[in-house]
Amino acid sequence: MVFRLAAFFLIAFAPPAAAADPPPANIAGTWDLTWQTRHGPSRSGWLVVTQQGNRIAAEIHGQGAVKVLGEMAGDDFTLRGSRLAIPYTISGRIEGGSLRGSLKILSIDRRFTGTRR
């Protein structure tokens, strides 16, 4: 009887199991990008992404090309790289066939949108 009562209390008052992280969204492919500048949305380029689970690698094309590495967490992505020894971060969210996010480098924060090709 004591064993059953102890088992009941262990089960009844055990902390809830942690929720599993959602699976990463599929961001792989080519995305056409439009960047916001100080004068409005005028810069454009494209992003080519490969994905293995939550790890992503991308090449950003516009004025030249740079390669970056990052990760997915559900629908959110983060890419990190550097150009001319200056680090930058690109983060955002995938929403079906579109992307929305920002590029942060030094004190600059540029917003962008993207659509899947």
PDB file of N, CA and C in Angstrom:
ATOM      1  N   MET A   1       0.825  -1.192   0.000  1.00  0.00           N
ATOM      2  CA  MET A   1       0.000   0.000   0.000  1.00  0.00           C
ATOM      3  C   MET A   1       0.871   1.259   0.000  1.00  0.00           C
ATOM      4  N   VAL A   2       1.922   1.257   0.793  1.00  0.00           N
ATOM      5  CA  VAL A   2       2.811   2.408   0.861  1.00  0.00           C
ATOM      6  C   VAL A   2       3.479   2.627  -0.500  1.00  0.00           C
ATOM      7  N   PHE A   3       3.861   1.530  -1.166  1.00  0.00           N
ATOM      8  CA  PHE A   3       4.491   1.629  -2.476  1.00  0.00           C
ATOM      9  C   PHE A   3       3.544   2.293  -3.484  1.00  0.00           C
ATOM     10  N   ARG A   4       2.281   1.880  -3.493  1.00  0.00           N
ATOM     11  CA  ARG A   4       1.301   2.460  -4.408  1.00  0.00           C
ATOM     12  C   ARG A   4       1.101   3.943  -4.123  1.00  0.00           C
ATOM     13  N   LEU A   5       1.035   4.309  -2.861  1.00  0.00           N
ATOM     14  CA  LEU A   5       0.852   5.704  -2.491  1.00  0.00           C
ATOM     15  C   LEU A   5       2.067   6.534  -2.919  1.00  0.00           C
ATOM     16  N   ALA A   6       3.277   6.020  -2.735  1.00  0.00           N
ATOM     17  CA  ALA A   6       4.485   6.729  -3.152  1.00  0.00           C
ATOM     18  C   ALA A   6       4.519   6.876  -4.672  1.00  0.00           C
ATOM     19  N   ALA A   7       4.167   5.838  -5.402  1.00  0.00           N
ATOM     20  CA  ALA A   7       4.147   5.889  -6.858  1.00  0.00           C
ATOM     21  C   ALA A   7       3.117   6.920  -7.331  1.00  0.00           C
ATOM     22  N   PHE A   8       1.960   6.955  -6.686  1.00  0.00           N
ATOM     23  CA  PHE A   8       0.929   7.927  -7.051  1.00  0.00           C
ATOM     24  C   PHE A   8       1.456   9.348  -6.900  1.00  0.00           C
ATOM     25  N   PHE A   9       2.107   9.650  -5.777  1.00  0.00           N
ATOM     26  CA  PHE A   9       2.628  10.996  -5.547  1.00  0.00           C
ATOM     27  C   PHE A   9       3.741  11.347  -6.526  1.00  0.00           C
ATOM     28  N   LEU A  10       4.589  10.385  -6.862  1.00  0.00           N
ATOM     29  CA  LEU A  10       5.645  10.652  -7.834  1.00  0.00           C
ATOM     30  C   LEU A  10       5.066  10.999  -9.200  1.00  0.00           C
ATOM     31  N   ILE A  11       4.030  10.282  -9.602  1.00  0.00           N
ATOM     32  CA  ILE A  11       3.421  10.540 -10.905  1.00  0.00           C
ATOM     33  C   ILE A  11       2.586  11.814 -10.868  1.00  0.00           C
ATOM     34  N   ALA A  12       1.810  11.989  -9.823  1.00  0.00           N
ATOM     35  CA  ALA A  12       0.893  13.127  -9.742  1.00  0.00           C
ATOM     36  C   ALA A  12       1.624  14.463  -9.637  1.00  0.00           C
ATOM     37  N   PHE A  13       2.759  14.489  -8.957  1.00  0.00           N
ATOM     38  CA  PHE A  13       3.445  15.752  -8.706  1.00  0.00           C
ATOM     39  C   PHE A  13       4.759  15.886  -9.463  1.00  0.00           C
ATOM     40  N   ALA A  14       4.974  15.038 -10.441  1.00  0.00           N
ATOM     41  CA  ALA A  14       6.187  15.137 -11.263  1.00  0.00           C
ATOM     42  C   ALA A  14       6.069  16.370 -12.159  1.00  0.00           C
ATOM     43  N   PRO A  15       7.189  17.041 -12.415  1.00  0.00           N
ATOM     44  CA  PRO A  15       7.125  18.198 -13.305  1.00  0.00           C
ATOM     45  C   PRO A  15       6.728  17.742 -14.706  1.00  0.00           C
ATOM     46  N   PRO A  16       6.005  18.592 -15.439  1.00  0.00           N
ATOM     47  CA  PRO A  16       5.602  18.212 -16.788  1.00  0.00           C
ATOM     48  C   PRO A  16       6.816  18.037 -17.686  1.00  0.00           C
ATOM     49  N   ALA A  17       6.707  17.155 -18.642  1.00  0.00           N
ATOM     50  CA  ALA A  17       7.792  16.928 -19.588  1.00  0.00           C
ATOM     51  C   ALA A  17       7.968  18.174 -20.446  1.00  0.00           C
ATOM     52  N   ALA A  18       9.208  18.481 -20.750  1.00  0.00           N
ATOM     53  CA  ALA A  18       9.490  19.649 -21.587  1.00  0.00           C
ATOM     54  C   ALA A  18       8.935  19.409 -22.986  1.00  0.00           C
ATOM     55  N   ALA A  19       8.367  20.453 -23.545  1.00  0.00           N
ATOM     56  CA  ALA A  19       7.831  20.346 -24.895  1.00  0.00           C
ATOM     57  C   ALA A  19       8.982  20.189 -25.883  1.00  0.00           C
ATOM     58  N   ALA A  20       8.820  19.337 -26.847  1.00  0.00           N
ATOM     59  CA  ALA A  20       9.850  19.135 -27.858  1.00  0.00           C
ATOM     60  C   ALA A  20       9.915  20.346 -28.774  1.00  0.00           C
ATOM     61  N   ASP A  21      11.114  20.676 -29.210  1.00  0.00           N
ATOM     62  CA  ASP A  21      11.266  21.779 -30.154  1.00  0.00           C
ATOM     63  C   ASP A  21      10.549  21.422 -31.450  1.00  0.00           C
ATOM     64  N   PRO A  22       9.920  22.411 -32.073  1.00  0.00           N
ATOM     65  CA  PRO A  22       9.255  22.115 -33.348  1.00  0.00           C
ATOM     66  C   PRO A  22      10.311  21.771 -34.397  1.00  0.00           C
ATOM     67  N   PRO A  23       9.968  20.958 -35.382  1.00  0.00           N
ATOM     68  CA  PRO A  23      10.944  20.638 -36.429  1.00  0.00           C
ATOM     69  C   PRO A  23      11.287  21.890 -37.220  1.00  0.00           C
ATOM     70  N   PRO A  24      12.507  21.956 -37.752  1.00  0.00           N
ATOM     71  CA  PRO A  24      12.873  23.154 -38.513  1.00  0.00           C
ATOM     72  C   PRO A  24      12.077  23.244 -39.810  1.00  0.00           C
ATOM     73  N   ALA A  25      11.701  24.459 -40.169  1.00  0.00           N
ATOM     74  CA  ALA A  25      11.011  24.699 -41.442  1.00  0.00           C
ATOM     75  C   ALA A  25      11.978  24.418 -42.584  1.00  0.00           C
ATOM     76  N   ASN A  26      11.451  24.144 -43.748  1.00  0.00           N
ATOM     77  CA  ASN A  26      12.277  23.902 -44.929  1.00  0.00           C
ATOM     78  C   ASN A  26      12.603  25.235 -45.593  1.00  0.00           C
ATOM     79  N   ILE A  27      13.840  25.671 -45.431  1.00  0.00           N
ATOM     80  CA  ILE A  27      14.281  26.938 -46.013  1.00  0.00           C
ATOM     81  C   ILE A  27      15.151  26.709 -47.239  1.00  0.00           C
ATOM     82  N   ALA A  28      15.480  25.458 -47.541  1.00  0.00           N
ATOM     83  CA  ALA A  28      16.372  25.148 -48.663  1.00  0.00           C
ATOM     84  C   ALA A  28      15.790  25.643 -49.973  1.00  0.00           C
ATOM     85  N   GLY A  29      16.669  26.174 -50.826  1.00  0.00           N
ATOM     86  CA  GLY A  29      16.253  26.642 -52.139  1.00  0.00           C
ATOM     87  C   GLY A  29      16.813  28.018 -52.439  1.00  0.00           C
ATOM     88  N   THR A  30      16.268  28.631 -53.462  1.00  0.00           N
ATOM     89  CA  THR A  30      16.708  29.961 -53.890  1.00  0.00           C
ATOM     90  C   THR A  30      15.609  30.966 -53.586  1.00  0.00           C
ATOM     91  N   TRP A  31      15.999  32.084 -53.005  1.00  0.00           N
ATOM     92  CA  TRP A  31      15.073  33.131 -52.566  1.00  0.00           C
ATOM     93  C   TRP A  31      15.465  34.453 -53.216  1.00  0.00           C
ATOM     94  N   ASP A  32      14.503  35.139 -53.807  1.00  0.00           N
ATOM     95  CA  ASP A  32      14.721  36.490 -54.322  1.00  0.00           C
ATOM     96  C   ASP A  32      14.497  37.476 -53.178  1.00  0.00           C
ATOM     97  N   LEU A  33      15.464  38.372 -52.977  1.00  0.00           N
ATOM     98  CA  LEU A  33      15.425  39.288 -51.836  1.00  0.00           C
ATOM     99  C   LEU A  33      15.253  40.735 -52.275  1.00  0.00           C
ATOM    100  N   THR A  34      14.564  41.503 -51.453  1.00  0.00           N
ATOM    101  CA  THR A  34      14.461  42.950 -51.599  1.00  0.00           C
ATOM    102  C   THR A  34      14.861  43.563 -50.262  1.00  0.00           C
ATOM    103  N   TRP A  35      15.886  44.419 -50.287  1.00  0.00           N
ATOM    104  CA  TRP A  35      16.402  45.052 -49.071  1.00  0.00           C
ATOM    105  C   TRP A  35      15.841  46.451 -48.931  1.00  0.00           C
ATOM    106  N   GLN A  36      15.526  46.825 -47.711  1.00  0.00           N
ATOM    107  CA  GLN A  36      15.131  48.203 -47.407  1.00  0.00           C
ATOM    108  C   GLN A  36      16.406  49.021 -47.240  1.00  0.00           C
ATOM    109  N   THR A  37      16.471  50.140 -47.923  1.00  0.00           N
ATOM    110  CA  THR A  37      17.581  51.063 -47.741  1.00  0.00           C
ATOM    111  C   THR A  37      17.031  52.336 -47.092  1.00  0.00           C
ATOM    112  N   ARG A  38      17.883  53.285 -46.879  1.00  0.00           N
ATOM    113  CA  ARG A  38      17.404  54.554 -46.308  1.00  0.00           C
ATOM    114  C   ARG A  38      16.393  55.230 -47.224  1.00  0.00           C
ATOM    115  N   HIS A  39      16.427  54.892 -48.500  1.00  0.00           N
ATOM    116  CA  HIS A  39      15.549  55.530 -49.478  1.00  0.00           C
ATOM    117  C   HIS A  39      14.406  54.620 -49.929  1.00  0.00           C
ATOM    118  N   GLY A  40      14.152  53.546 -49.194  1.00  0.00           N
ATOM    119  CA  GLY A  40      13.067  52.634 -49.551  1.00  0.00           C
ATOM    120  C   GLY A  40      13.579  51.313 -50.100  1.00  0.00           C
ATOM    121  N   PRO A  41      12.660  50.444 -50.530  1.00  0.00           N
ATOM    122  CA  PRO A  41      13.069  49.121 -51.017  1.00  0.00           C
ATOM    123  C   PRO A  41      13.629  49.197 -52.432  1.00  0.00           C
ATOM    124  N   SER A  42      14.965  49.199 -52.549  1.00  0.00           N
ATOM    125  CA  SER A  42      15.522  49.313 -53.887  1.00  0.00           C
ATOM    126  C   SER A  42      16.578  48.265 -54.192  1.00  0.00           C
ATOM    127  N   ARG A  43      17.309  47.829 -53.207  1.00  0.00           N
ATOM    128  CA  ARG A  43      18.349  46.848 -53.454  1.00  0.00           C
ATOM    129  C   ARG A  43      17.743  45.470 -53.576  1.00  0.00           C
ATOM    130  N   SER A  44      18.226  44.698 -54.528  1.00  0.00           N
ATOM    131  CA  SER A  44      17.737  43.338 -54.634  1.00  0.00           C
ATOM    132  C   SER A  44      18.911  42.382 -54.816  1.00  0.00           C
ATOM    133  N   GLY A  45      18.660  41.133 -54.533  1.00  0.00           N
ATOM    134  CA  GLY A  45      19.665  40.099 -54.660  1.00  0.00           C
ATOM    135  C   GLY A  45      18.973  38.761 -54.505  1.00  0.00           C
ATOM    136  N   TRP A  46      19.751  37.732 -54.247  1.00  0.00           N
ATOM    137  CA  TRP A  46      19.153  36.428 -54.020  1.00  0.00           C
ATOM    138  C   TRP A  46      19.984  35.643 -53.028  1.00  0.00           C
ATOM    139  N   LEU A  47      19.361  34.651 -52.453  1.00  0.00           N
ATOM    140  CA  LEU A  47      19.938  33.825 -51.400  1.00  0.00           C
ATOM    141  C   LEU A  47      19.760  32.375 -51.810  1.00  0.00           C
ATOM    142  N   VAL A  48      20.841  31.603 -51.803  1.00  0.00           N
ATOM    143  CA  VAL A  48      20.783  30.181 -52.119  1.00  0.00           C
ATOM    144  C   VAL A  48      21.112  29.427 -50.834  1.00  0.00           C
ATOM    145  N   VAL A  49      20.157  28.607 -50.366  1.00  0.00           N
ATOM    146  CA  VAL A  49      20.285  27.945 -49.062  1.00  0.00           C
ATOM    147  C   VAL A  49      20.277  26.428 -49.232  1.00  0.00           C
ATOM    148  N   THR A  50      21.187  25.756 -48.523  1.00  0.00           N
ATOM    149  CA  THR A  50      21.134  24.308 -48.372  1.00  0.00           C
ATOM    150  C   THR A  50      20.871  24.032 -46.897  1.00  0.00           C
ATOM    151  N   GLN A  51      20.246  22.894 -46.622  1.00  0.00           N
ATOM    152  CA  GLN A  51      19.822  22.606 -45.249  1.00  0.00           C
ATOM    153  C   GLN A  51      20.007  21.130 -44.939  1.00  0.00           C
ATOM    154  N   GLN A  52      20.511  20.850 -43.748  1.00  0.00           N
ATOM    155  CA  GLN A  52      20.581  19.497 -43.195  1.00  0.00           C
ATOM    156  C   GLN A  52      20.057  19.585 -41.769  1.00  0.00           C
ATOM    157  N   GLY A  53      18.804  19.178 -41.574  1.00  0.00           N
ATOM    158  CA  GLY A  53      18.184  19.306 -40.260  1.00  0.00           C
ATOM    159  C   GLY A  53      18.035  20.761 -39.900  1.00  0.00           C
ATOM    160  N   ASN A  54      18.615  21.153 -38.756  1.00  0.00           N
ATOM    161  CA  ASN A  54      18.513  22.553 -38.351  1.00  0.00           C
ATOM    162  C   ASN A  54      19.729  23.382 -38.769  1.00  0.00           C
ATOM    163  N   ARG A  55      20.707  22.757 -39.418  1.00  0.00           N
ATOM    164  CA  ARG A  55      21.887  23.496 -39.892  1.00  0.00           C
ATOM    165  C   ARG A  55      21.659  23.977 -41.321  1.00  0.00           C
ATOM    166  N   ILE A  56      22.035  25.223 -41.564  1.00  0.00           N
ATOM    167  CA  ILE A  56      21.879  25.789 -42.898  1.00  0.00           C
ATOM    168  C   ILE A  56      23.180  26.453 -43.343  1.00  0.00           C
ATOM    169  N   ALA A  57      23.397  26.422 -44.636  1.00  0.00           N
ATOM    170  CA  ALA A  57      24.505  27.135 -45.271  1.00  0.00           C
ATOM    171  C   ALA A  57      23.889  27.937 -46.404  1.00  0.00           C
ATOM    172  N   ALA A  58      24.370  29.150 -46.599  1.00  0.00           N
ATOM    173  CA  ALA A  58      23.773  30.002 -47.620  1.00  0.00           C
ATOM    174  C   ALA A  58      24.844  30.800 -48.338  1.00  0.00           C
ATOM    175  N   GLU A  59      24.501  31.197 -49.549  1.00  0.00           N
ATOM    176  CA  GLU A  59      25.327  32.114 -50.316  1.00  0.00           C
ATOM    177  C   GLU A  59      24.431  33.269 -50.723  1.00  0.00           C
ATOM    178  N   ILE A  60      24.849  34.464 -50.347  1.00  0.00           N
ATOM    179  CA  ILE A  60      24.068  35.669 -50.620  1.00  0.00           C
ATOM    180  C   ILE A  60      24.692  36.367 -51.821  1.00  0.00           C
ATOM    181  N   HIS A  61      23.859  36.673 -52.829  1.00  0.00           N
ATOM    182  CA  HIS A  61      24.320  37.326 -54.047  1.00  0.00           C
ATOM    183  C   HIS A  61      23.659  38.690 -54.168  1.00  0.00           C
ATOM    184  N   GLY A  62      24.414  39.627 -54.618  1.00  0.00           N
ATOM    185  CA  GLY A  62      23.920  40.987 -54.838  1.00  0.00           C
ATOM    186  C   GLY A  62      25.063  41.753 -55.450  1.00  0.00           C
ATOM    187  N   GLN A  63      25.712  42.548 -54.658  1.00  0.00           N
ATOM    188  CA  GLN A  63      26.956  43.190 -55.082  1.00  0.00           C
ATOM    189  C   GLN A  63      28.083  42.280 -54.619  1.00  0.00           C
ATOM    190  N   GLY A  64      28.368  41.260 -55.386  1.00  0.00           N
ATOM    191  CA  GLY A  64      29.319  40.236 -54.985  1.00  0.00           C
ATOM    192  C   GLY A  64      28.565  39.086 -54.340  1.00  0.00           C
ATOM    193  N   ALA A  65      29.289  38.156 -53.742  1.00  0.00           N
ATOM    194  CA  ALA A  65      28.671  37.003 -53.088  1.00  0.00           C
ATOM    195  C   ALA A  65      29.434  36.679 -51.812  1.00  0.00           C
ATOM    196  N   VAL A  66      28.704  36.301 -50.784  1.00  0.00           N
ATOM    197  CA  VAL A  66      29.310  35.873 -49.530  1.00  0.00           C
ATOM    198  C   VAL A  66      28.649  34.579 -49.072  1.00  0.00           C
ATOM    199  N   LYS A  67      29.434  33.749 -48.372  1.00  0.00           N
ATOM    200  CA  LYS A  67      28.916  32.499 -47.826  1.00  0.00           C
ATOM    201  C   LYS A  67      28.752  32.653 -46.322  1.00  0.00           C
ATOM    202  N   VAL A  68      27.654  32.104 -45.806  1.00  0.00           N
ATOM    203  CA  VAL A  68      27.354  32.196 -44.378  1.00  0.00           C
ATOM    204  C   VAL A  68      26.839  30.855 -43.883  1.00  0.00           C
ATOM    205  N   LEU A  69      26.957  30.646 -42.578  1.00  0.00           N
ATOM    206  CA  LEU A  69      26.457  29.442 -41.923  1.00  0.00           C
ATOM    207  C   LEU A  69      25.471  29.837 -40.848  1.00  0.00           C
ATOM    208  N   GLY A  70      24.547  28.938 -40.539  1.00  0.00           N
ATOM    209  CA  GLY A  70      23.586  29.263 -39.502  1.00  0.00           C
ATOM    210  C   GLY A  70      22.740  28.086 -39.102  1.00  0.00           C
ATOM    211  N   GLU A  71      21.631  28.410 -38.457  1.00  0.00           N
ATOM    212  CA  GLU A  71      20.745  27.366 -37.955  1.00  0.00           C
ATOM    213  C   GLU A  71      19.300  27.810 -38.022  1.00  0.00           C
ATOM    214  N   MET A  72      18.436  26.802 -38.034  1.00  0.00           N
ATOM    215  CA  MET A  72      16.989  26.992 -37.996  1.00  0.00           C
ATOM    216  C   MET A  72      16.500  26.598 -36.613  1.00  0.00           C
ATOM    217  N   ALA A  73      15.485  27.264 -36.131  1.00  0.00           N
ATOM    218  CA  ALA A  73      14.789  26.901 -34.887  1.00  0.00           C
ATOM    219  C   ALA A  73      13.305  27.093 -35.187  1.00  0.00           C
ATOM    220  N   GLY A  74      12.651  26.004 -35.586  1.00  0.00           N
ATOM    221  CA  GLY A  74      11.260  26.121 -36.015  1.00  0.00           C
ATOM    222  C   GLY A  74      11.210  26.901 -37.308  1.00  0.00           C
ATOM    223  N   ASP A  75      10.493  28.033 -37.319  1.00  0.00           N
ATOM    224  CA  ASP A  75      10.394  28.885 -38.506  1.00  0.00           C
ATOM    225  C   ASP A  75      11.433  30.007 -38.514  1.00  0.00           C
ATOM    226  N   ASP A  76      12.235  30.118 -37.461  1.00  0.00           N
ATOM    227  CA  ASP A  76      13.214  31.197 -37.332  1.00  0.00           C
ATOM    228  C   ASP A  76      14.584  30.737 -37.815  1.00  0.00           C
ATOM    229  N   PHE A  77      15.318  31.651 -38.458  1.00  0.00           N
ATOM    230  CA  PHE A  77      16.666  31.326 -38.909  1.00  0.00           C
ATOM    231  C   PHE A  77      17.637  32.410 -38.486  1.00  0.00           C
ATOM    232  N   THR A  78      18.897  32.005 -38.332  1.00  0.00           N
ATOM    233  CA  THR A  78      19.983  32.928 -38.029  1.00  0.00           C
ATOM    234  C   THR A  78      21.185  32.507 -38.857  1.00  0.00           C
ATOM    235  N   LEU A  79      21.775  33.453 -39.556  1.00  0.00           N
ATOM    236  CA  LEU A  79      22.987  33.242 -40.339  1.00  0.00           C
ATOM    237  C   LEU A  79      24.046  34.202 -39.824  1.00  0.00           C
ATOM    238  N   ARG A  80      25.295  33.719 -39.759  1.00  0.00           N
ATOM    239  CA  ARG A  80      26.385  34.571 -39.286  1.00  0.00           C
ATOM    240  C   ARG A  80      27.554  34.476 -40.258  1.00  0.00           C
ATOM    241  N   GLY A  81      28.187  35.607 -40.478  1.00  0.00           N
ATOM    242  CA  GLY A  81      29.343  35.634 -41.355  1.00  0.00           C
ATOM    243  C   GLY A  81      30.155  36.882 -41.103  1.00  0.00           C
ATOM    244  N   SER A  82      31.141  37.111 -41.963  1.00  0.00           N
ATOM    245  CA  SER A  82      31.920  38.345 -41.869  1.00  0.00           C
ATOM    246  C   SER A  82      32.385  38.724 -43.270  1.00  0.00           C
ATOM    247  N   ARG A  83      32.562  39.990 -43.440  1.00  0.00           N
ATOM    248  CA  ARG A  83      33.070  40.515 -44.705  1.00  0.00           C
ATOM    249  C   ARG A  83      34.085  41.582 -44.358  1.00  0.00           C
ATOM    250  N   LEU A  84      35.276  41.450 -44.922  1.00  0.00           N
ATOM    251  CA  LEU A  84      36.380  42.361 -44.602  1.00  0.00           C
ATOM    252  C   LEU A  84      36.619  42.407 -43.092  1.00  0.00           C
ATOM    253  N   ALA A  85      36.537  41.245 -42.445  1.00  0.00           N
ATOM    254  CA  ALA A  85      36.765  41.075 -41.006  1.00  0.00           C
ATOM    255  C   ALA A  85      35.713  41.766 -40.133  1.00  0.00           C
ATOM    256  N   ILE A  86      34.590  42.151 -40.711  1.00  0.00           N
ATOM    257  CA  ILE A  86      33.509  42.766 -39.938  1.00  0.00           C
ATOM    258  C   ILE A  86      32.375  41.753 -39.831  1.00  0.00           C
ATOM    259  N   PRO A  87      32.047  41.319 -38.617  1.00  0.00           N
ATOM    260  CA  PRO A  87      30.996  40.307 -38.456  1.00  0.00           C
ATOM    261  C   PRO A  87      29.604  40.890 -38.679  1.00  0.00           C
ATOM    262  N   TYR A  88      28.703  40.042 -39.153  1.00  0.00           N
ATOM    263  CA  TYR A  88      27.305  40.439 -39.327  1.00  0.00           C
ATOM    264  C   TYR A  88      26.402  39.256 -39.017  1.00  0.00           C
ATOM    265  N   THR A  89      25.151  39.569 -38.752  1.00  0.00           N
ATOM    266  CA  THR A  89      24.132  38.563 -38.460  1.00  0.00           C
ATOM    267  C   THR A  89      22.906  38.842 -39.308  1.00  0.00           C
ATOM    268  N   ILE A  90      22.394  37.791 -39.922  1.00  0.00           N
ATOM    269  CA  ILE A  90      21.144  37.875 -40.668  1.00  0.00           C
ATOM    270  C   ILE A  90      20.160  36.963 -39.951  1.00  0.00           C
ATOM    271  N   SER A  91      19.046  37.516 -39.542  1.00  0.00           N
ATOM    272  CA  SER A  91      18.053  36.697 -38.839  1.00  0.00           C
ATOM    273  C   SER A  91      16.677  37.001 -39.391  1.00  0.00           C
ATOM    274  N   GLY A  92      15.799  36.033 -39.258  1.00  0.00           N
ATOM    275  CA  GLY A  92      14.456  36.255 -39.762  1.00  0.00           C
ATOM    276  C   GLY A  92      13.570  35.053 -39.554  1.00  0.00           C
ATOM    277  N   ARG A  93      12.489  35.052 -40.289  1.00  0.00           N
ATOM    278  CA  ARG A  93      11.453  34.027 -40.134  1.00  0.00           C
ATOM    279  C   ARG A  93      10.940  33.635 -41.516  1.00  0.00           C
ATOM    280  N   ILE A  94      10.734  32.348 -41.706  1.00  0.00           N
ATOM    281  CA  ILE A  94      10.144  31.856 -42.938  1.00  0.00           C
ATOM    282  C   ILE A  94       8.647  31.693 -42.701  1.00  0.00           C
ATOM    283  N   GLU A  95       7.859  32.167 -43.652  1.00  0.00           N
ATOM    284  CA  GLU A  95       6.400  32.094 -43.557  1.00  0.00           C
ATOM    285  C   GLU A  95       5.881  31.553 -44.878  1.00  0.00           C
ATOM    286  N   GLY A  96       5.833  30.219 -44.993  1.00  0.00           N
ATOM    287  CA  GLY A  96       5.406  29.601 -46.241  1.00  0.00           C
ATOM    288  C   GLY A  96       6.409  29.871 -47.337  1.00  0.00           C
ATOM    289  N   GLY A  97       5.991  30.565 -48.385  1.00  0.00           N
ATOM    290  CA  GLY A  97       6.863  30.878 -49.510  1.00  0.00           C
ATOM    291  C   GLY A  97       7.520  32.230 -49.408  1.00  0.00           C
ATOM    292  N   SER A  98       7.592  32.799 -48.199  1.00  0.00           N
ATOM    293  CA  SER A  98       8.234  34.108 -48.063  1.00  0.00           C
ATOM    294  C   SER A  98       9.125  34.158 -46.827  1.00  0.00           C
ATOM    295  N   LEU A  99      10.073  35.077 -46.866  1.00  0.00           N
ATOM    296  CA  LEU A  99      11.001  35.345 -45.760  1.00  0.00           C
ATOM    297  C   LEU A  99      10.823  36.788 -45.330  1.00  0.00           C
ATOM    298  N   ARG A 100      11.131  37.033 -44.083  1.00  0.00           N
ATOM    299  CA  ARG A 100      11.149  38.393 -43.556  1.00  0.00           C
ATOM    300  C   ARG A 100      12.248  38.416 -42.506  1.00  0.00           C
ATOM    301  N   GLY A 101      13.102  39.453 -42.523  1.00  0.00           N
ATOM    302  CA  GLY A 101      14.169  39.486 -41.540  1.00  0.00           C
ATOM    303  C   GLY A 101      14.982  40.755 -41.593  1.00  0.00           C
ATOM    304  N   SER A 102      16.179  40.682 -40.991  1.00  0.00           N
ATOM    305  CA  SER A 102      17.055  41.850 -40.952  1.00  0.00           C
ATOM    306  C   SER A 102      18.516  41.433 -40.989  1.00  0.00           C
ATOM    307  N   LEU A 103      19.325  42.336 -41.492  1.00  0.00           N
ATOM    308  CA  LEU A 103      20.778  42.217 -41.515  1.00  0.00           C
ATOM    309  C   LEU A 103      21.312  43.231 -40.517  1.00  0.00           C
ATOM    310  N   LYS A 104      22.143  42.760 -39.595  1.00  0.00           N
ATOM    311  CA  LYS A 104      22.747  43.666 -38.609  1.00  0.00           C
ATOM    312  C   LYS A 104      24.253  43.594 -38.759  1.00  0.00           C
ATOM    313  N   ILE A 105      24.842  44.760 -39.049  1.00  0.00           N
ATOM    314  CA  ILE A 105      26.290  44.874 -39.180  1.00  0.00           C
ATOM    315  C   ILE A 105      26.690  46.226 -38.580  1.00  0.00           C
ATOM    316  N   LEU A 106      27.583  46.169 -37.601  1.00  0.00           N
ATOM    317  CA  LEU A 106      27.955  47.355 -36.836  1.00  0.00           C
ATOM    318  C   LEU A 106      26.688  48.036 -36.319  1.00  0.00           C
ATOM    319  N   SER A 107      26.465  49.293 -36.636  1.00  0.00           N
ATOM    320  CA  SER A 107      25.253  49.975 -36.154  1.00  0.00           C
ATOM    321  C   SER A 107      24.145  49.999 -37.207  1.00  0.00           C
ATOM    322  N   ILE A 108      24.340  49.276 -38.303  1.00  0.00           N
ATOM    323  CA  ILE A 108      23.366  49.259 -39.393  1.00  0.00           C
ATOM    324  C   ILE A 108      22.395  48.101 -39.207  1.00  0.00           C
ATOM    325  N   ASP A 109      21.130  48.372 -39.399  1.00  0.00           N
ATOM    326  CA  ASP A 109      20.086  47.342 -39.322  1.00  0.00           C
ATOM    327  C   ASP A 109      19.195  47.510 -40.549  1.00  0.00           C
ATOM    328  N   ARG A 110      19.324  46.596 -41.497  1.00  0.00           N
ATOM    329  CA  ARG A 110      18.554  46.670 -42.741  1.00  0.00           C
ATOM    330  C   ARG A 110      17.537  45.544 -42.793  1.00  0.00           C
ATOM    331  N   ARG A 111      16.300  45.865 -43.065  1.00  0.00           N
ATOM    332  CA  ARG A 111      15.218  44.884 -43.191  1.00  0.00           C
ATOM    333  C   ARG A 111      15.175  44.338 -44.613  1.00  0.00           C
ATOM    334  N   PHE A 112      14.684  43.114 -44.749  1.00  0.00           N
ATOM    335  CA  PHE A 112      14.522  42.533 -46.071  1.00  0.00           C
ATOM    336  C   PHE A 112      13.288  41.626 -46.098  1.00  0.00           C
ATOM    337  N   THR A 113      12.826  41.394 -47.310  1.00  0.00           N
ATOM    338  CA  THR A 113      11.777  40.393 -47.560  1.00  0.00           C
ATOM    339  C   THR A 113      12.279  39.511 -48.686  1.00  0.00           C
ATOM    340  N   GLY A 114      11.736  38.316 -48.773  1.00  0.00           N
ATOM    341  CA  GLY A 114      12.150  37.403 -49.822  1.00  0.00           C
ATOM    342  C   GLY A 114      11.016  36.483 -50.242  1.00  0.00           C
ATOM    343  N   THR A 115      11.083  36.044 -51.479  1.00  0.00           N
ATOM    344  CA  THR A 115      10.110  35.078 -51.988  1.00  0.00           C
ATOM    345  C   THR A 115      10.877  33.915 -52.604  1.00  0.00           C
ATOM    346  N   ARG A 116      10.313  32.722 -52.443  1.00  0.00           N
ATOM    347  CA  ARG A 116      10.948  31.516 -52.966  1.00  0.00           C
ATOM    348  C   ARG A 116      10.769  31.474 -54.481  1.00  0.00           C
ATOM    349  N   ARG A 117      11.835  31.124 -55.182  1.00  0.00           N
ATOM    350  CA  ARG A 117      11.762  30.975 -56.648  1.00  0.00           C
ATOM    351  C   ARG A 117      11.042  29.701 -56.992  1.00  0.00           C
TER     352      ARG A 117
END
